């Protein structure tokens, strides 16, 4: 029988009792399956965290392609490889345009960005 990692043990807790009740004494086939699933869930979680942390243009980079998606979304030509991430973010910020009212606590804008609506301080 096999012992489980902490991540696999969390998954084990959700299995029916027919797979066992002792997390330190799990059938080896079930343990391998749980370890593989826990590993893949960990990878998916890391990817989601990378996506979440780069969803706004000022933190976007090309780790998961978010800066390219922002450039495509606002119609900026794709930058050559020799252009830095900082230069690409500045270009992206300068093309920003908000349609509608903006409710804000603090605001920072790049030169060239536009707000077509009212600024409403929170």
PDB file of N, CA and C in Angstrom:
ATOM      1  N   UNK A   1       0.830  -1.177   0.000  1.00  0.00           N
ATOM      2  CA  UNK A   1       0.000   0.000   0.000  1.00  0.00           C
ATOM      3  C   UNK A   1       0.879   1.247   0.000  1.00  0.00           C
ATOM      4  N   UNK A   2       0.299   2.385  -0.410  1.00  0.00           N
ATOM      5  CA  UNK A   2       1.093   3.600  -0.595  1.00  0.00           C
ATOM      6  C   UNK A   2       0.554   4.757   0.240  1.00  0.00           C
ATOM      7  N   UNK A   3       1.481   5.617   0.677  1.00  0.00           N
ATOM      8  CA  UNK A   3       1.097   6.856   1.368  1.00  0.00           C
ATOM      9  C   UNK A   3       0.897   7.936   0.314  1.00  0.00           C
ATOM     10  N   UNK A   4       0.073   8.929   0.614  1.00  0.00           N
ATOM     11  CA  UNK A   4      -0.265   9.979  -0.339  1.00  0.00           C
ATOM     12  C   UNK A   4       0.389  11.309   0.039  1.00  0.00           C
ATOM     13  N   UNK A   5       0.664  12.128  -0.988  1.00  0.00           N
ATOM     14  CA  UNK A   5       1.086  13.505  -0.742  1.00  0.00           C
ATOM     15  C   UNK A   5      -0.105  14.279  -0.186  1.00  0.00           C
ATOM     16  N   UNK A   6       0.155  15.450   0.337  1.00  0.00           N
ATOM     17  CA  UNK A   6      -0.936  16.256   0.899  1.00  0.00           C
ATOM     18  C   UNK A   6      -1.995  16.590  -0.151  1.00  0.00           C
ATOM     19  N   UNK A   7      -1.552  16.948  -1.369  1.00  0.00           N
ATOM     20  CA  UNK A   7      -2.502  17.311  -2.433  1.00  0.00           C
ATOM     21  C   UNK A   7      -3.353  16.110  -2.831  1.00  0.00           C
ATOM     22  N   UNK A   8      -2.729  14.933  -2.956  1.00  0.00           N
ATOM     23  CA  UNK A   8      -3.489  13.738  -3.310  1.00  0.00           C
ATOM     24  C   UNK A   8      -4.404  13.321  -2.173  1.00  0.00           C
ATOM     25  N   UNK A   9      -3.978  13.557  -0.929  1.00  0.00           N
ATOM     26  CA  UNK A   9      -4.812  13.197   0.221  1.00  0.00           C
ATOM     27  C   UNK A   9      -6.106  14.002   0.241  1.00  0.00           C
ATOM     28  N   UNK A  10      -6.032  15.259  -0.191  1.00  0.00           N
ATOM     29  CA  UNK A  10      -7.244  16.080  -0.268  1.00  0.00           C
ATOM     30  C   UNK A  10      -8.223  15.455  -1.258  1.00  0.00           C
ATOM     31  N   UNK A  11      -7.713  14.985  -2.392  1.00  0.00           N
ATOM     32  CA  UNK A  11      -8.580  14.319  -3.375  1.00  0.00           C
ATOM     33  C   UNK A  11      -9.127  13.012  -2.819  1.00  0.00           C
ATOM     34  N   UNK A  12      -8.286  12.273  -2.093  1.00  0.00           N
ATOM     35  CA  UNK A  12      -8.687  11.006  -1.515  1.00  0.00           C
ATOM     36  C   UNK A  12      -9.880  11.166  -0.572  1.00  0.00           C
ATOM     37  N   UNK A  13      -9.905  12.283   0.144  1.00  0.00           N
ATOM     38  CA  UNK A  13     -10.996  12.532   1.090  1.00  0.00           C
ATOM     39  C   UNK A  13     -12.359  12.585   0.403  1.00  0.00           C
ATOM     40  N   UNK A  14     -12.375  12.845  -0.903  1.00  0.00           N
ATOM     41  CA  UNK A  14     -13.636  12.959  -1.639  1.00  0.00           C
ATOM     42  C   UNK A  14     -14.028  11.669  -2.351  1.00  0.00           C
ATOM     43  N   UNK A  15     -13.202  10.623  -2.229  1.00  0.00           N
ATOM     44  CA  UNK A  15     -13.526   9.344  -2.856  1.00  0.00           C
ATOM     45  C   UNK A  15     -14.481   8.552  -1.969  1.00  0.00           C
ATOM     46  N   UNK A  16     -15.279   7.691  -2.573  1.00  0.00           N
ATOM     47  CA  UNK A  16     -16.138   6.817  -1.764  1.00  0.00           C
ATOM     48  C   UNK A  16     -15.279   5.895  -0.880  1.00  0.00           C
ATOM     49  N   UNK A  17     -15.846   5.427   0.208  1.00  0.00           N
ATOM     50  CA  UNK A  17     -15.129   4.575   1.167  1.00  0.00           C
ATOM     51  C   UNK A  17     -14.658   3.261   0.547  1.00  0.00           C
ATOM     52  N   UNK A  18     -15.219   2.877  -0.586  1.00  0.00           N
ATOM     53  CA  UNK A  18     -14.789   1.624  -1.230  1.00  0.00           C
ATOM     54  C   UNK A  18     -13.321   1.681  -1.651  1.00  0.00           C
ATOM     55  N   UNK A  19     -12.753   2.882  -1.789  1.00  0.00           N
ATOM     56  CA  UNK A  19     -11.341   3.037  -2.137  1.00  0.00           C
ATOM     57  C   UNK A  19     -10.449   3.042  -0.902  1.00  0.00           C
ATOM     58  N   UNK A  20     -11.045   2.954   0.261  1.00  0.00           N
ATOM     59  CA  UNK A  20     -10.289   2.934   1.499  1.00  0.00           C
ATOM     60  C   UNK A  20     -10.649   4.121   2.370  1.00  0.00           C
ATOM     61  N   UNK A  21     -10.216   4.040   3.620  1.00  0.00           N
ATOM     62  CA  UNK A  21     -10.492   5.129   4.551  1.00  0.00           C
ATOM     63  C   UNK A  21      -9.229   5.674   5.195  1.00  0.00           C
ATOM     64  N   UNK A  22      -8.102   5.017   4.997  1.00  0.00           N
ATOM     65  CA  UNK A  22      -6.845   5.436   5.608  1.00  0.00           C
ATOM     66  C   UNK A  22      -5.938   6.031   4.536  1.00  0.00           C
ATOM     67  N   UNK A  23      -5.679   7.315   4.611  1.00  0.00           N
ATOM     68  CA  UNK A  23      -4.886   7.979   3.570  1.00  0.00           C
ATOM     69  C   UNK A  23      -3.447   7.478   3.518  1.00  0.00           C
ATOM     70  N   UNK A  24      -2.974   6.834   4.567  1.00  0.00           N
ATOM     71  CA  UNK A  24      -1.611   6.292   4.571  1.00  0.00           C
ATOM     72  C   UNK A  24      -1.567   4.843   4.117  1.00  0.00           C
ATOM     73  N   UNK A  25      -2.703   4.292   3.741  1.00  0.00           N
ATOM     74  CA  UNK A  25      -2.770   2.892   3.346  1.00  0.00           C
ATOM     75  C   UNK A  25      -3.697   2.741   2.139  1.00  0.00           C
ATOM     76  N   UNK A  26      -3.316   3.368   1.033  1.00  0.00           N
ATOM     77  CA  UNK A  26      -4.145   3.409  -0.177  1.00  0.00           C
ATOM     78  C   UNK A  26      -3.605   2.405  -1.194  1.00  0.00           C
ATOM     79  N   UNK A  27      -4.491   1.780  -1.929  1.00  0.00           N
ATOM     80  CA  UNK A  27      -4.087   0.871  -3.003  1.00  0.00           C
ATOM     81  C   UNK A  27      -3.120   1.603  -3.938  1.00  0.00           C
ATOM     82  N   UNK A  28      -2.009   0.966  -4.350  1.00  0.00           N
ATOM     83  CA  UNK A  28      -1.004   1.644  -5.185  1.00  0.00           C
ATOM     84  C   UNK A  28      -1.551   2.199  -6.501  1.00  0.00           C
ATOM     85  N   UNK A  29      -2.500   1.506  -7.113  1.00  0.00           N
ATOM     86  CA  UNK A  29      -3.069   1.995  -8.383  1.00  0.00           C
ATOM     87  C   UNK A  29      -3.864   3.274  -8.127  1.00  0.00           C
ATOM     88  N   UNK A  30      -4.665   3.271  -7.080  1.00  0.00           N
ATOM     89  CA  UNK A  30      -5.449   4.456  -6.719  1.00  0.00           C
ATOM     90  C   UNK A  30      -4.501   5.591  -6.330  1.00  0.00           C
ATOM     91  N   UNK A  31      -3.440   5.272  -5.598  1.00  0.00           N
ATOM     92  CA  UNK A  31      -2.475   6.299  -5.181  1.00  0.00           C
ATOM     93  C   UNK A  31      -1.812   6.951  -6.391  1.00  0.00           C
ATOM     94  N   UNK A  32      -1.397   6.155  -7.374  1.00  0.00           N
ATOM     95  CA  UNK A  32      -0.778   6.736  -8.586  1.00  0.00           C
ATOM     96  C   UNK A  32      -1.758   7.623  -9.335  1.00  0.00           C
ATOM     97  N   UNK A  33      -2.998   7.174  -9.419  1.00  0.00           N
ATOM     98  CA  UNK A  33      -4.035   7.960 -10.093  1.00  0.00           C
ATOM     99  C   UNK A  33      -4.257   9.288  -9.370  1.00  0.00           C
ATOM    100  N   UNK A  34      -4.344   9.232  -8.034  1.00  0.00           N
ATOM    101  CA  UNK A  34      -4.553  10.453  -7.252  1.00  0.00           C
ATOM    102  C   UNK A  34      -3.350  11.397  -7.351  1.00  0.00           C
ATOM    103  N   UNK A  35      -2.130  10.858  -7.325  1.00  0.00           N
ATOM    104  CA  UNK A  35      -0.932  11.693  -7.430  1.00  0.00           C
ATOM    105  C   UNK A  35      -0.875  12.387  -8.794  1.00  0.00           C
ATOM    106  N   UNK A  36      -1.215  11.640  -9.858  1.00  0.00           N
ATOM    107  CA  UNK A  36      -1.213  12.238 -11.201  1.00  0.00           C
ATOM    108  C   UNK A  36      -2.266  13.333 -11.305  1.00  0.00           C
ATOM    109  N   UNK A  37      -3.435  13.074 -10.768  1.00  0.00           N
ATOM    110  CA  UNK A  37      -4.509  14.074 -10.805  1.00  0.00           C
ATOM    111  C   UNK A  37      -4.127  15.306  -9.985  1.00  0.00           C
ATOM    112  N   UNK A  38      -3.546  15.077  -8.801  1.00  0.00           N
ATOM    113  CA  UNK A  38      -3.120  16.203  -7.959  1.00  0.00           C
ATOM    114  C   UNK A  38      -2.044  17.031  -8.670  1.00  0.00           C
ATOM    115  N   UNK A  39      -1.130  16.363  -9.364  1.00  0.00           N
ATOM    116  CA  UNK A  39      -0.088  17.077 -10.109  1.00  0.00           C
ATOM    117  C   UNK A  39      -0.696  17.952 -11.196  1.00  0.00           C
ATOM    118  N   UNK A  40      -1.617  17.392 -11.970  1.00  0.00           N
ATOM    119  CA  UNK A  40      -2.248  18.153 -13.054  1.00  0.00           C
ATOM    120  C   UNK A  40      -3.090  19.301 -12.514  1.00  0.00           C
ATOM    121  N   UNK A  41      -3.779  19.082 -11.408  1.00  0.00           N
ATOM    122  CA  UNK A  41      -4.549  20.173 -10.803  1.00  0.00           C
ATOM    123  C   UNK A  41      -3.618  21.286 -10.312  1.00  0.00           C
ATOM    124  N   UNK A  42      -2.466  20.913  -9.796  1.00  0.00           N
ATOM    125  CA  UNK A  42      -1.477  21.914  -9.381  1.00  0.00           C
ATOM    126  C   UNK A  42      -0.986  22.737 -10.567  1.00  0.00           C
ATOM    127  N   UNK A  43      -0.720  22.061 -11.697  1.00  0.00           N
ATOM    128  CA  UNK A  43      -0.291  22.777 -12.902  1.00  0.00           C
ATOM    129  C   UNK A  43      -1.385  23.709 -13.400  1.00  0.00           C
ATOM    130  N   UNK A  44      -2.636  23.233 -13.386  1.00  0.00           N
ATOM    131  CA  UNK A  44      -3.759  24.072 -13.827  1.00  0.00           C
ATOM    132  C   UNK A  44      -3.915  25.275 -12.905  1.00  0.00           C
ATOM    133  N   UNK A  45      -3.755  25.062 -11.604  1.00  0.00           N
ATOM    134  CA  UNK A  45      -3.844  26.168 -10.650  1.00  0.00           C
ATOM    135  C   UNK A  45      -2.767  27.208 -10.884  1.00  0.00           C
ATOM    136  N   UNK A  46      -1.548  26.748 -11.181  1.00  0.00           N
ATOM    137  CA  UNK A  46      -0.450  27.679 -11.460  1.00  0.00           C
ATOM    138  C   UNK A  46      -0.737  28.488 -12.727  1.00  0.00           C
ATOM    139  N   UNK A  47      -1.286  27.833 -13.745  1.00  0.00           N
ATOM    140  CA  UNK A  47      -1.628  28.544 -14.979  1.00  0.00           C
ATOM    141  C   UNK A  47      -2.733  29.567 -14.729  1.00  0.00           C
ATOM    142  N   UNK A  48      -3.742  29.201 -13.970  1.00  0.00           N
ATOM    143  CA  UNK A  48      -4.804  30.151 -13.648  1.00  0.00           C
ATOM    144  C   UNK A  48      -4.277  31.340 -12.858  1.00  0.00           C
ATOM    145  N   UNK A  49      -3.359  31.100 -11.945  1.00  0.00           N
ATOM    146  CA  UNK A  49      -2.760  32.200 -11.186  1.00  0.00           C
ATOM    147  C   UNK A  49      -1.959  33.116 -12.116  1.00  0.00           C
ATOM    148  N   UNK A  50      -1.229  32.524 -13.058  1.00  0.00           N
ATOM    149  CA  UNK A  50      -0.479  33.336 -14.023  1.00  0.00           C
ATOM    150  C   UNK A  50      -1.433  34.169 -14.871  1.00  0.00           C
ATOM    151  N   UNK A  51      -2.537  33.584 -15.294  1.00  0.00           N
ATOM    152  CA  UNK A  51      -3.526  34.328 -16.077  1.00  0.00           C
ATOM    153  C   UNK A  51      -4.141  35.448 -15.248  1.00  0.00           C
ATOM    154  N   UNK A  52      -4.508  35.140 -14.001  1.00  0.00           N
ATOM    155  CA  UNK A  52      -5.134  36.138 -13.135  1.00  0.00           C
ATOM    156  C   UNK A  52      -4.192  37.307 -12.873  1.00  0.00           C
ATOM    157  N   UNK A  53      -2.935  37.017 -12.659  1.00  0.00           N
ATOM    158  CA  UNK A  53      -1.995  38.085 -12.315  1.00  0.00           C
ATOM    159  C   UNK A  53      -1.588  38.928 -13.524  1.00  0.00           C
ATOM    160  N   UNK A  54      -1.948  38.520 -14.725  1.00  0.00           N
ATOM    161  CA  UNK A  54      -1.578  39.287 -15.916  1.00  0.00           C
ATOM    162  C   UNK A  54      -2.792  39.728 -16.723  1.00  0.00           C
ATOM    163  N   UNK A  55      -3.944  39.864 -16.062  1.00  0.00           N
ATOM    164  CA  UNK A  55      -5.155  40.215 -16.804  1.00  0.00           C
ATOM    165  C   UNK A  55      -5.264  41.698 -17.121  1.00  0.00           C
ATOM    166  N   UNK A  56      -4.522  42.542 -16.421  1.00  0.00           N
ATOM    167  CA  UNK A  56      -4.574  43.964 -16.731  1.00  0.00           C
ATOM    168  C   UNK A  56      -3.313  44.347 -17.511  1.00  0.00           C
ATOM    169  N   UNK A  57      -3.405  45.305 -18.388  1.00  0.00           N
ATOM    170  CA  UNK A  57      -2.277  45.638 -19.263  1.00  0.00           C
ATOM    171  C   UNK A  57      -0.998  46.009 -18.521  1.00  0.00           C
ATOM    172  N   UNK A  58      -1.106  46.661 -17.363  1.00  0.00           N
ATOM    173  CA  UNK A  58       0.111  47.097 -16.668  1.00  0.00           C
ATOM    174  C   UNK A  58       0.901  45.944 -16.070  1.00  0.00           C
ATOM    175  N   UNK A  59       0.289  44.781 -15.919  1.00  0.00           N
ATOM    176  CA  UNK A  59       1.033  43.627 -15.405  1.00  0.00           C
ATOM    177  C   UNK A  59       1.151  42.524 -16.449  1.00  0.00           C
ATOM    178  N   UNK A  60       0.621  42.750 -17.638  1.00  0.00           N
ATOM    179  CA  UNK A  60       0.646  41.732 -18.680  1.00  0.00           C
ATOM    180  C   UNK A  60       2.072  41.501 -19.162  1.00  0.00           C
ATOM    181  N   UNK A  61       2.368  40.250 -19.459  1.00  0.00           N
ATOM    182  CA  UNK A  61       3.642  39.895 -20.086  1.00  0.00           C
ATOM    183  C   UNK A  61       3.357  38.747 -21.048  1.00  0.00           C
ATOM    184  N   UNK A  62       4.385  38.161 -21.595  1.00  0.00           N
ATOM    185  CA  UNK A  62       4.140  37.089 -22.551  1.00  0.00           C
ATOM    186  C   UNK A  62       4.359  35.704 -21.955  1.00  0.00           C
ATOM    187  N   UNK A  63       4.337  35.600 -20.616  1.00  0.00           N
ATOM    188  CA  UNK A  63       4.453  34.291 -19.981  1.00  0.00           C
ATOM    189  C   UNK A  63       3.333  33.384 -20.458  1.00  0.00           C
ATOM    190  N   UNK A  64       2.123  33.879 -20.450  1.00  0.00           N
ATOM    191  CA  UNK A  64       0.969  33.114 -20.941  1.00  0.00           C
ATOM    192  C   UNK A  64       0.318  33.813 -22.133  1.00  0.00           C
ATOM    193  N   UNK A  65       1.017  34.740 -22.749  1.00  0.00           N
ATOM    194  CA  UNK A  65       0.520  35.408 -23.947  1.00  0.00           C
ATOM    195  C   UNK A  65      -0.465  36.524 -23.710  1.00  0.00           C
ATOM    196  N   UNK A  66      -0.600  37.000 -22.468  1.00  0.00           N
ATOM    197  CA  UNK A  66      -1.626  38.013 -22.192  1.00  0.00           C
ATOM    198  C   UNK A  66      -1.308  39.357 -22.836  1.00  0.00           C
ATOM    199  N   UNK A  67      -0.038  39.727 -22.930  1.00  0.00           N
ATOM    200  CA  UNK A  67       0.299  41.002 -23.565  1.00  0.00           C
ATOM    201  C   UNK A  67      -0.052  40.971 -25.045  1.00  0.00           C
ATOM    202  N   UNK A  68       0.209  39.859 -25.715  1.00  0.00           N
ATOM    203  CA  UNK A  68      -0.172  39.712 -27.128  1.00  0.00           C
ATOM    204  C   UNK A  68      -1.693  39.846 -27.295  1.00  0.00           C
ATOM    205  N   UNK A  69      -2.449  39.230 -26.373  1.00  0.00           N
ATOM    206  CA  UNK A  69      -3.913  39.319 -26.467  1.00  0.00           C
ATOM    207  C   UNK A  69      -4.380  40.755 -26.308  1.00  0.00           C
ATOM    208  N   UNK A  70      -3.766  41.498 -25.375  1.00  0.00           N
ATOM    209  CA  UNK A  70      -4.131  42.908 -25.206  1.00  0.00           C
ATOM    210  C   UNK A  70      -3.781  43.702 -26.459  1.00  0.00           C
ATOM    211  N   UNK A  71      -2.611  43.456 -27.023  1.00  0.00           N
ATOM    212  CA  UNK A  71      -2.205  44.174 -28.243  1.00  0.00           C
ATOM    213  C   UNK A  71      -3.187  43.884 -29.370  1.00  0.00           C
ATOM    214  N   UNK A  72      -3.553  42.626 -29.518  1.00  0.00           N
ATOM    215  CA  UNK A  72      -4.517  42.259 -30.569  1.00  0.00           C
ATOM    216  C   UNK A  72      -5.881  42.893 -30.311  1.00  0.00           C
ATOM    217  N   UNK A  73      -6.314  42.928 -29.050  1.00  0.00           N
ATOM    218  CA  UNK A  73      -7.637  43.446 -28.705  1.00  0.00           C
ATOM    219  C   UNK A  73      -7.795  44.920 -29.031  1.00  0.00           C
ATOM    220  N   UNK A  74      -6.728  45.695 -28.883  1.00  0.00           N
ATOM    221  CA  UNK A  74      -6.831  47.126 -29.151  1.00  0.00           C
ATOM    222  C   UNK A  74      -6.275  47.506 -30.516  1.00  0.00           C
ATOM    223  N   UNK A  75      -5.855  46.511 -31.285  1.00  0.00           N
ATOM    224  CA  UNK A  75      -5.431  46.767 -32.653  1.00  0.00           C
ATOM    225  C   UNK A  75      -4.022  47.319 -32.807  1.00  0.00           C
ATOM    226  N   UNK A  76      -3.157  47.049 -31.854  1.00  0.00           N
ATOM    227  CA  UNK A  76      -1.759  47.480 -31.969  1.00  0.00           C
ATOM    228  C   UNK A  76      -1.007  46.420 -32.761  1.00  0.00           C
ATOM    229  N   UNK A  77      -0.210  46.827 -33.734  1.00  0.00           N
ATOM    230  CA  UNK A  77       0.586  45.833 -34.460  1.00  0.00           C
ATOM    231  C   UNK A  77       1.506  45.088 -33.488  1.00  0.00           C
ATOM    232  N   UNK A  78       1.725  43.827 -33.738  1.00  0.00           N
ATOM    233  CA  UNK A  78       2.605  43.041 -32.872  1.00  0.00           C
ATOM    234  C   UNK A  78       4.011  43.610 -32.902  1.00  0.00           C
ATOM    235  N   UNK A  79       4.555  43.802 -31.705  1.00  0.00           N
ATOM    236  CA  UNK A  79       5.879  44.399 -31.567  1.00  0.00           C
ATOM    237  C   UNK A  79       6.949  43.389 -31.966  1.00  0.00           C
ATOM    238  N   UNK A  80       8.045  43.879 -32.555  1.00  0.00           N
ATOM    239  CA  UNK A  80       9.172  42.984 -32.850  1.00  0.00           C
ATOM    240  C   UNK A  80       9.764  42.430 -31.552  1.00  0.00           C
ATOM    241  N   UNK A  81      10.538  41.370 -31.657  1.00  0.00           N
ATOM    242  CA  UNK A  81      11.104  40.711 -30.477  1.00  0.00           C
ATOM    243  C   UNK A  81      12.057  41.599 -29.693  1.00  0.00           C
ATOM    244  N   UNK A  82      12.669  42.599 -30.337  1.00  0.00           N
ATOM    245  CA  UNK A  82      13.646  43.434 -29.635  1.00  0.00           C
ATOM    246  C   UNK A  82      13.002  44.563 -28.813  1.00  0.00           C
ATOM    247  N   UNK A  83      11.678  44.678 -28.839  1.00  0.00           N
ATOM    248  CA  UNK A  83      10.976  45.701 -28.057  1.00  0.00           C
ATOM    249  C   UNK A  83      10.703  45.137 -26.665  1.00  0.00           C
ATOM    250  N   UNK A  84      11.059  45.903 -25.637  1.00  0.00           N
ATOM    251  CA  UNK A  84      10.921  45.412 -24.262  1.00  0.00           C
ATOM    252  C   UNK A  84       9.454  45.337 -23.842  1.00  0.00           C
ATOM    253  N   UNK A  85       9.210  44.544 -22.804  1.00  0.00           N
ATOM    254  CA  UNK A  85       7.864  44.425 -22.228  1.00  0.00           C
ATOM    255  C   UNK A  85       7.385  45.800 -21.756  1.00  0.00           C
ATOM    256  N   UNK A  86       8.271  46.583 -21.132  1.00  0.00           N
ATOM    257  CA  UNK A  86       7.905  47.917 -20.644  1.00  0.00           C
ATOM    258  C   UNK A  86       7.472  48.845 -21.770  1.00  0.00           C
ATOM    259  N   UNK A  87       8.186  48.808 -22.886  1.00  0.00           N
ATOM    260  CA  UNK A  87       7.816  49.648 -24.034  1.00  0.00           C
ATOM    261  C   UNK A  87       6.470  49.205 -24.600  1.00  0.00           C
ATOM    262  N   UNK A  88       6.251  47.907 -24.643  1.00  0.00           N
ATOM    263  CA  UNK A  88       4.979  47.404 -25.168  1.00  0.00           C
ATOM    264  C   UNK A  88       3.832  47.792 -24.250  1.00  0.00           C
ATOM    265  N   UNK A  89       4.033  47.730 -22.931  1.00  0.00           N
ATOM    266  CA  UNK A  89       2.987  48.137 -21.986  1.00  0.00           C
ATOM    267  C   UNK A  89       2.682  49.623 -22.131  1.00  0.00           C
ATOM    268  N   UNK A  90       3.721  50.454 -22.319  1.00  0.00           N
ATOM    269  CA  UNK A  90       3.515  51.897 -22.475  1.00  0.00           C
ATOM    270  C   UNK A  90       2.704  52.189 -23.732  1.00  0.00           C
ATOM    271  N   UNK A  91       3.001  51.505 -24.814  1.00  0.00           N
ATOM    272  CA  UNK A  91       2.244  51.690 -26.054  1.00  0.00           C
ATOM    273  C   UNK A  91       0.797  51.277 -25.849  1.00  0.00           C
ATOM    274  N   UNK A  92       0.597  50.194 -25.155  1.00  0.00           N
ATOM    275  CA  UNK A  92      -0.757  49.711 -24.890  1.00  0.00           C
ATOM    276  C   UNK A  92      -1.526  50.710 -24.033  1.00  0.00           C
ATOM    277  N   UNK A  93      -0.890  51.255 -22.992  1.00  0.00           N
ATOM    278  CA  UNK A  93      -1.542  52.234 -22.119  1.00  0.00           C
ATOM    279  C   UNK A  93      -1.933  53.496 -22.857  1.00  0.00           C
ATOM    280  N   UNK A  94      -1.113  53.908 -23.812  1.00  0.00           N
ATOM    281  CA  UNK A  94      -1.390  55.135 -24.548  1.00  0.00           C
ATOM    282  C   UNK A  94      -2.561  54.993 -25.516  1.00  0.00           C
ATOM    283  N   UNK A  95      -2.960  53.768 -25.812  1.00  0.00           N
ATOM    284  CA  UNK A  95      -4.081  53.559 -26.739  1.00  0.00           C
ATOM    285  C   UNK A  95      -5.381  53.244 -26.013  1.00  0.00           C
ATOM    286  N   UNK A  96      -5.344  53.224 -24.687  1.00  0.00           N
ATOM    287  CA  UNK A  96      -6.535  52.859 -23.910  1.00  0.00           C
ATOM    288  C   UNK A  96      -7.663  53.861 -24.120  1.00  0.00           C
ATOM    289  N   UNK A  97      -8.867  53.356 -24.205  1.00  0.00           N
ATOM    290  CA  UNK A  97     -10.043  54.207 -24.338  1.00  0.00           C
ATOM    291  C   UNK A  97     -11.177  53.567 -23.546  1.00  0.00           C
ATOM    292  N   UNK A  98     -11.701  54.308 -22.580  1.00  0.00           N
ATOM    293  CA  UNK A  98     -12.817  53.830 -21.769  1.00  0.00           C
ATOM    294  C   UNK A  98     -14.069  54.526 -22.236  1.00  0.00           C
ATOM    295  N   UNK A  99     -15.077  53.745 -22.584  1.00  0.00           N
ATOM    296  CA  UNK A  99     -16.369  54.282 -22.998  1.00  0.00           C
ATOM    297  C   UNK A  99     -17.320  54.152 -21.819  1.00  0.00           C
ATOM    298  N   UNK A 100     -17.831  55.261 -21.318  1.00  0.00           N
ATOM    299  CA  UNK A 100     -18.758  55.226 -20.200  1.00  0.00           C
ATOM    300  C   UNK A 100     -18.130  55.825 -18.955  1.00  0.00           C
ATOM    301  N   UNK A 101     -18.918  55.867 -17.899  1.00  0.00           N
ATOM    302  CA  UNK A 101     -18.469  56.472 -16.653  1.00  0.00           C
ATOM    303  C   UNK A 101     -17.433  55.579 -15.968  1.00  0.00           C
ATOM    304  N   UNK A 102     -16.466  56.213 -15.304  1.00  0.00           N
ATOM    305  CA  UNK A 102     -15.413  55.497 -14.586  1.00  0.00           C
ATOM    306  C   UNK A 102     -15.480  55.880 -13.123  1.00  0.00           C
ATOM    307  N   UNK A 103     -15.774  54.911 -12.266  1.00  0.00           N
ATOM    308  CA  UNK A 103     -15.799  55.116 -10.822  1.00  0.00           C
ATOM    309  C   UNK A 103     -14.418  54.728 -10.309  1.00  0.00           C
ATOM    310  N   UNK A 104     -13.755  55.619  -9.577  1.00  0.00           N
ATOM    311  CA  UNK A 104     -12.359  55.371  -9.216  1.00  0.00           C
ATOM    312  C   UNK A 104     -12.057  55.852  -7.808  1.00  0.00           C
ATOM    313  N   UNK A 105     -11.036  55.256  -7.221  1.00  0.00           N
ATOM    314  CA  UNK A 105     -10.479  55.723  -5.958  1.00  0.00           C
ATOM    315  C   UNK A 105      -9.214  56.506  -6.244  1.00  0.00           C
ATOM    316  N   UNK A 106      -8.367  55.950  -7.077  1.00  0.00           N
ATOM    317  CA  UNK A 106      -7.154  56.614  -7.564  1.00  0.00           C
ATOM    318  C   UNK A 106      -7.024  56.208  -9.021  1.00  0.00           C
ATOM    319  N   UNK A 107      -6.443  57.073  -9.814  1.00  0.00           N
ATOM    320  CA  UNK A 107      -6.360  56.774 -11.238  1.00  0.00           C
ATOM    321  C   UNK A 107      -4.987  57.197 -11.761  1.00  0.00           C
ATOM    322  N   UNK A 108      -4.470  56.400 -12.645  1.00  0.00           N
ATOM    323  CA  UNK A 108      -3.214  56.714 -13.325  1.00  0.00           C
ATOM    324  C   UNK A 108      -3.436  56.415 -14.797  1.00  0.00           C
ATOM    325  N   UNK A 109      -3.093  57.361 -15.648  1.00  0.00           N
ATOM    326  CA  UNK A 109      -3.308  57.195 -17.081  1.00  0.00           C
ATOM    327  C   UNK A 109      -2.041  57.484 -17.842  1.00  0.00           C
ATOM    328  N   UNK A 110      -1.893  56.811 -18.964  1.00  0.00           N
ATOM    329  CA  UNK A 110      -0.783  57.097 -19.866  1.00  0.00           C
ATOM    330  C   UNK A 110      -1.175  58.228 -20.795  1.00  0.00           C
ATOM    331  N   UNK A 111      -0.183  58.964 -21.265  1.00  0.00           N
ATOM    332  CA  UNK A 111      -0.450  60.020 -22.236  1.00  0.00           C
ATOM    333  C   UNK A 111      -1.069  59.392 -23.481  1.00  0.00           C
ATOM    334  N   UNK A 112      -2.161  59.960 -23.942  1.00  0.00           N
ATOM    335  CA  UNK A 112      -2.842  59.441 -25.118  1.00  0.00           C
ATOM    336  C   UNK A 112      -4.071  58.611 -24.787  1.00  0.00           C
ATOM    337  N   UNK A 113      -4.185  58.146 -23.548  1.00  0.00           N
ATOM    338  CA  UNK A 113      -5.365  57.374 -23.149  1.00  0.00           C
ATOM    339  C   UNK A 113      -6.567  58.311 -23.049  1.00  0.00           C
ATOM    340  N   UNK A 114      -7.773  57.763 -23.256  1.00  0.00           N
ATOM    341  CA  UNK A 114      -8.982  58.581 -23.259  1.00  0.00           C
ATOM    342  C   UNK A 114     -10.047  57.966 -22.383  1.00  0.00           C
ATOM    343  N   UNK A 115     -10.861  58.839 -21.791  1.00  0.00           N
ATOM    344  CA  UNK A 115     -12.069  58.408 -21.082  1.00  0.00           C
ATOM    345  C   UNK A 115     -13.222  59.185 -21.695  1.00  0.00           C
ATOM    346  N   UNK A 116     -14.131  58.482 -22.327  1.00  0.00           N
ATOM    347  CA  UNK A 116     -15.318  59.084 -22.920  1.00  0.00           C
ATOM    348  C   UNK A 116     -16.491  58.843 -21.974  1.00  0.00           C
ATOM    349  N   UNK A 117     -16.599  59.674 -20.973  1.00  0.00           N
ATOM    350  CA  UNK A 117     -17.629  59.537 -19.951  1.00  0.00           C
ATOM    351  C   UNK A 117     -17.253  60.384 -18.753  1.00  0.00           C
ATOM    352  N   UNK A 118     -17.940  60.160 -17.661  1.00  0.00           N
ATOM    353  CA  UNK A 118     -17.688  60.943 -16.454  1.00  0.00           C
ATOM    354  C   UNK A 118     -16.721  60.199 -15.540  1.00  0.00           C
ATOM    355  N   UNK A 119     -15.879  60.998 -14.841  1.00  0.00           N
ATOM    356  CA  UNK A 119     -15.038  60.467 -13.781  1.00  0.00           C
ATOM    357  C   UNK A 119     -15.804  60.644 -12.480  1.00  0.00           C
ATOM    358  N   UNK A 120     -16.079  59.541 -11.779  1.00  0.00           N
ATOM    359  CA  UNK A 120     -16.845  59.592 -10.542  1.00  0.00           C
ATOM    360  C   UNK A 120     -15.949  59.080  -9.423  1.00  0.00           C
ATOM    361  N   UNK A 121     -15.578  59.984  -8.510  1.00  0.00           N
ATOM    362  CA  UNK A 121     -14.707  59.593  -7.406  1.00  0.00           C
ATOM    363  C   UNK A 121     -15.496  58.792  -6.391  1.00  0.00           C
ATOM    364  N   UNK A 122     -14.886  57.688  -5.929  1.00  0.00           N
ATOM    365  CA  UNK A 122     -15.553  56.837  -4.915  1.00  0.00           C
ATOM    366  C   UNK A 122     -15.454  57.462  -3.547  1.00  0.00           C
TER     367      UNK A 122
END
